[in-house]
Protein backbone atom coordinates (compact mmCIF):
# COMPACT_ATOMS: atom_id res chain seq x y z
CA MET A 1 -9.67 -1.06 13.33
CA ALA A 2 -13.23 -0.04 14.10
CA ARG A 3 -14.31 3.54 14.44
CA GLY A 4 -15.57 2.85 17.94
CA ALA A 5 -11.95 2.68 19.08
CA PHE A 6 -11.61 6.41 18.35
CA GLY A 7 -13.54 9.22 19.97
CA ASP A 8 -13.18 11.53 17.00
CA ALA A 9 -11.28 12.14 13.79
CA GLU A 10 -8.50 14.00 15.57
CA GLU A 11 -7.83 11.03 17.85
CA PHE A 12 -7.86 8.73 14.81
CA ALA A 13 -5.31 10.94 13.04
CA ARG A 14 -2.96 10.97 16.02
CA ALA A 15 -3.22 7.21 16.52
CA ARG A 16 -3.02 6.01 12.90
CA LEU A 17 -1.03 8.57 10.89
CA ASP A 18 2.23 6.60 11.12
CA ALA A 19 0.58 3.33 10.04
CA LEU A 20 -1.12 5.12 7.15
CA ARG A 21 2.21 6.64 6.17
CA ARG A 22 3.84 3.19 6.08
CA PHE A 23 0.96 1.84 4.00
CA ALA A 24 1.28 4.78 1.60
CA TYR A 25 5.05 4.20 1.40
CA LEU A 26 4.51 0.63 0.24
CA ILE A 27 1.93 1.75 -2.29
CA SER A 28 3.84 4.73 -3.67
CA GLY A 29 7.48 3.72 -3.17
CA SER A 30 8.39 7.22 -2.02
CA ALA A 31 8.63 8.65 1.48
CA ALA A 32 7.70 12.11 0.21
CA GLU A 33 4.63 10.80 -1.61
CA ALA A 34 3.76 8.66 1.41
CA ASP A 35 3.76 11.72 3.65
CA ASP A 36 1.49 13.57 1.23
CA LEU A 37 -0.89 10.66 0.73
CA ALA A 38 -1.20 9.89 4.45
CA GLN A 39 -1.88 13.53 5.28
CA ILE A 40 -4.45 13.80 2.50
CA ALA A 41 -6.15 10.66 3.80
CA VAL A 42 -6.27 11.94 7.38
CA VAL A 43 -7.72 15.26 6.23
CA GLU A 44 -10.37 13.49 4.14
CA VAL A 45 -11.31 11.24 7.08
CA TRP A 46 -11.56 14.33 9.28
CA GLN A 47 -13.72 16.15 6.71
CA ARG A 48 -15.92 13.10 6.15
CA TRP A 49 -15.90 11.54 9.60
CA ARG A 50 -19.53 10.43 9.29
CA LYS A 51 -18.98 9.01 5.80
CA ALA A 52 -15.96 7.05 7.03
CA GLY A 53 -18.43 4.87 8.91
CA ASP A 54 -17.33 2.12 11.24
CA ASN A 55 -13.90 1.72 9.69
CA PRO A 56 -12.08 5.04 9.18
CA GLU A 57 -8.78 3.25 8.55
CA ALA A 58 -10.22 1.36 5.57
CA TYR A 59 -11.64 4.65 4.30
CA ALA A 60 -8.22 6.29 4.70
CA ARG A 61 -6.51 3.41 2.85
CA GLN A 62 -9.01 3.78 0.04
CA VAL A 63 -8.20 7.49 -0.17
CA ILE A 64 -4.47 6.68 -0.30
CA VAL A 65 -4.89 4.12 -3.06
CA THR A 66 -7.28 6.28 -5.07
CA ARG A 67 -5.02 9.33 -4.89
CA ASN A 68 -1.98 7.25 -5.74
CA VAL A 69 -3.75 5.67 -8.71
CA SER A 70 -4.60 9.16 -9.93
CA ARG A 71 -0.95 10.15 -9.61
CA TRP A 72 0.41 7.22 -11.59
CA ARG A 73 -2.23 7.59 -14.24
CA ARG A 74 -1.21 11.24 -14.71
CA SER A 75 2.51 10.63 -14.58
CA ARG A 76 4.39 7.39 -15.18
CA ARG A 77 7.59 8.71 -13.59
CA GLU A 78 8.89 7.15 -10.37
CA VAL A 79 10.07 9.43 -7.56
CA PRO A 80 13.18 8.27 -5.67
CA SER A 81 12.32 6.96 -2.23
CA ASP A 82 13.80 7.74 1.17
CA GLU A 83 13.81 5.69 4.33
CA VAL A 84 10.62 5.59 6.41
CA ASP A 85 10.11 4.73 10.06
CA HIS A 86 8.14 1.57 10.83
CA ARG A 87 6.77 -0.49 13.69
CA PRO A 88 6.99 -4.28 13.91
CA ASP A 89 3.20 -4.71 14.41
CA ASP A 90 2.39 -3.24 10.99
CA PRO A 91 2.48 -5.52 7.91
CA ALA A 92 4.34 -2.82 6.01
CA GLY A 93 7.22 -2.87 8.52
CA ALA A 94 8.42 -6.36 7.64
CA VAL A 95 8.53 -5.55 3.94
CA VAL A 96 10.32 -2.25 4.39
CA THR A 97 13.02 -3.93 6.50
CA ASN A 98 13.47 -6.88 4.12
CA GLY A 99 15.90 -5.48 1.58
CA ALA A 100 15.39 -8.18 -1.06
CA LEU A 101 11.61 -8.03 -0.92
CA TRP A 102 11.57 -4.24 -0.89
CA GLN A 103 13.86 -4.13 -3.93
CA ALA A 104 11.64 -6.68 -5.70
CA LEU A 105 8.56 -4.54 -5.01
CA GLN A 106 10.38 -1.49 -6.39
CA GLU A 107 10.94 -3.37 -9.65
CA LEU A 108 7.17 -3.55 -10.18
CA GLY A 109 5.14 -0.80 -11.78
CA LYS A 110 2.91 1.19 -9.44
CA PRO A 111 -0.31 -0.56 -10.54
CA GLU A 112 1.18 -4.01 -9.89
CA ARG A 113 2.81 -2.94 -6.61
CA THR A 114 -0.51 -1.52 -5.42
CA VAL A 115 -2.32 -4.80 -6.11
CA VAL A 116 0.37 -6.88 -4.38
CA VAL A 117 0.44 -4.68 -1.26
CA LEU A 118 -3.34 -4.58 -0.95
CA HIS A 119 -3.87 -8.28 -1.65
CA VAL A 120 -0.93 -9.91 0.10
CA LEU A 121 -0.22 -7.63 3.05
CA TYR A 122 -3.64 -6.16 3.75
CA ARG A 123 -5.77 -9.13 2.58
CA TYR A 124 -8.08 -7.22 0.22
CA THR A 125 -9.92 -9.35 -2.36
CA PHE A 126 -9.53 -8.65 -6.06
CA SER A 127 -13.08 -7.29 -6.10
CA GLU A 128 -12.29 -4.88 -3.26
CA ILE A 129 -9.08 -3.77 -4.98
CA ALA A 130 -10.96 -3.29 -8.24
CA ALA A 131 -13.50 -1.08 -6.47
CA ILE A 132 -10.77 0.97 -4.79
CA CYS A 133 -8.70 1.43 -7.98
CA GLY A 134 -11.65 1.85 -10.32
CA ASP A 135 -10.54 -1.04 -12.52
CA PRO A 136 -12.34 -4.24 -13.58
CA PRO A 137 -11.57 -7.30 -11.39
CA GLY A 138 -9.99 -8.99 -14.43
CA THR A 139 -7.47 -6.17 -14.72
CA VAL A 140 -6.60 -6.51 -11.04
CA SER A 141 -6.20 -10.28 -11.41
CA SER A 142 -3.96 -9.83 -14.47
CA ARG A 143 -1.81 -7.28 -12.66
CA TYR A 144 -1.45 -9.62 -9.71
CA ALA A 145 -0.42 -12.53 -11.97
CA ARG A 146 2.15 -10.34 -13.77
CA ALA A 147 3.45 -9.06 -10.45
CA ARG A 148 3.84 -12.59 -9.05
CA ARG A 149 5.82 -13.68 -12.11
CA ALA A 150 8.02 -10.58 -11.89
CA LEU A 151 8.59 -11.03 -8.15
CA ARG A 152 9.45 -14.71 -8.59
CA THR A 153 11.90 -13.91 -11.37
CA HIS A 154 13.50 -11.05 -9.46
CA LEU A 155 13.81 -13.01 -6.20
CA ALA A 156 15.11 -16.11 -8.03
CA THR A 157 17.91 -14.12 -9.66
CA THR A 158 18.85 -12.13 -6.57
CA GLN A 159 18.25 -14.79 -3.92
CA PRO A 160 19.38 -18.16 -5.40
CA ALA A 161 20.22 -19.57 -1.96
CA ILE A 162 16.65 -19.06 -0.77
CA ARG A 163 15.25 -20.79 -3.86
CA SER A 164 17.54 -23.82 -3.54
CA ALA A 165 16.84 -24.12 0.21
CA ARG A 166 13.10 -24.40 -0.42
CA GLY A 167 13.77 -27.26 -2.81
């Protein structure tokens, strides 16, 4: 969503906080962390409104991913997640309401889950993800490949009817 759609940072925050929270929930796997990350992102967009450029939402997503990467690099512990509200027009909503897919995502490590969410749901390239996470593109590609294998394995064992129906 282009910056031109928002008069100022405050309007952006009111309009996009929920969507950013859902995005952060997919990335972090925790409603509490999602709240924190979304609020941090909104504050950073507000503080750096000019730097956010024409796409403050992309800037906010980058803040969320960067802060989350910092968190999982400091601590490898997962925080239990709670339910989060969602809207049907947001890519995160379909995943959060699909129990099997959500469970499969939770089986991934945070680095792999981050790559899958950014690449599959939000259509970021591996180069863009690498820039956001501060990792080489090869690392991002490897994480994505590992995540795909893990997701396939998890979904095949928990959803055999789906696998056999696809033939």
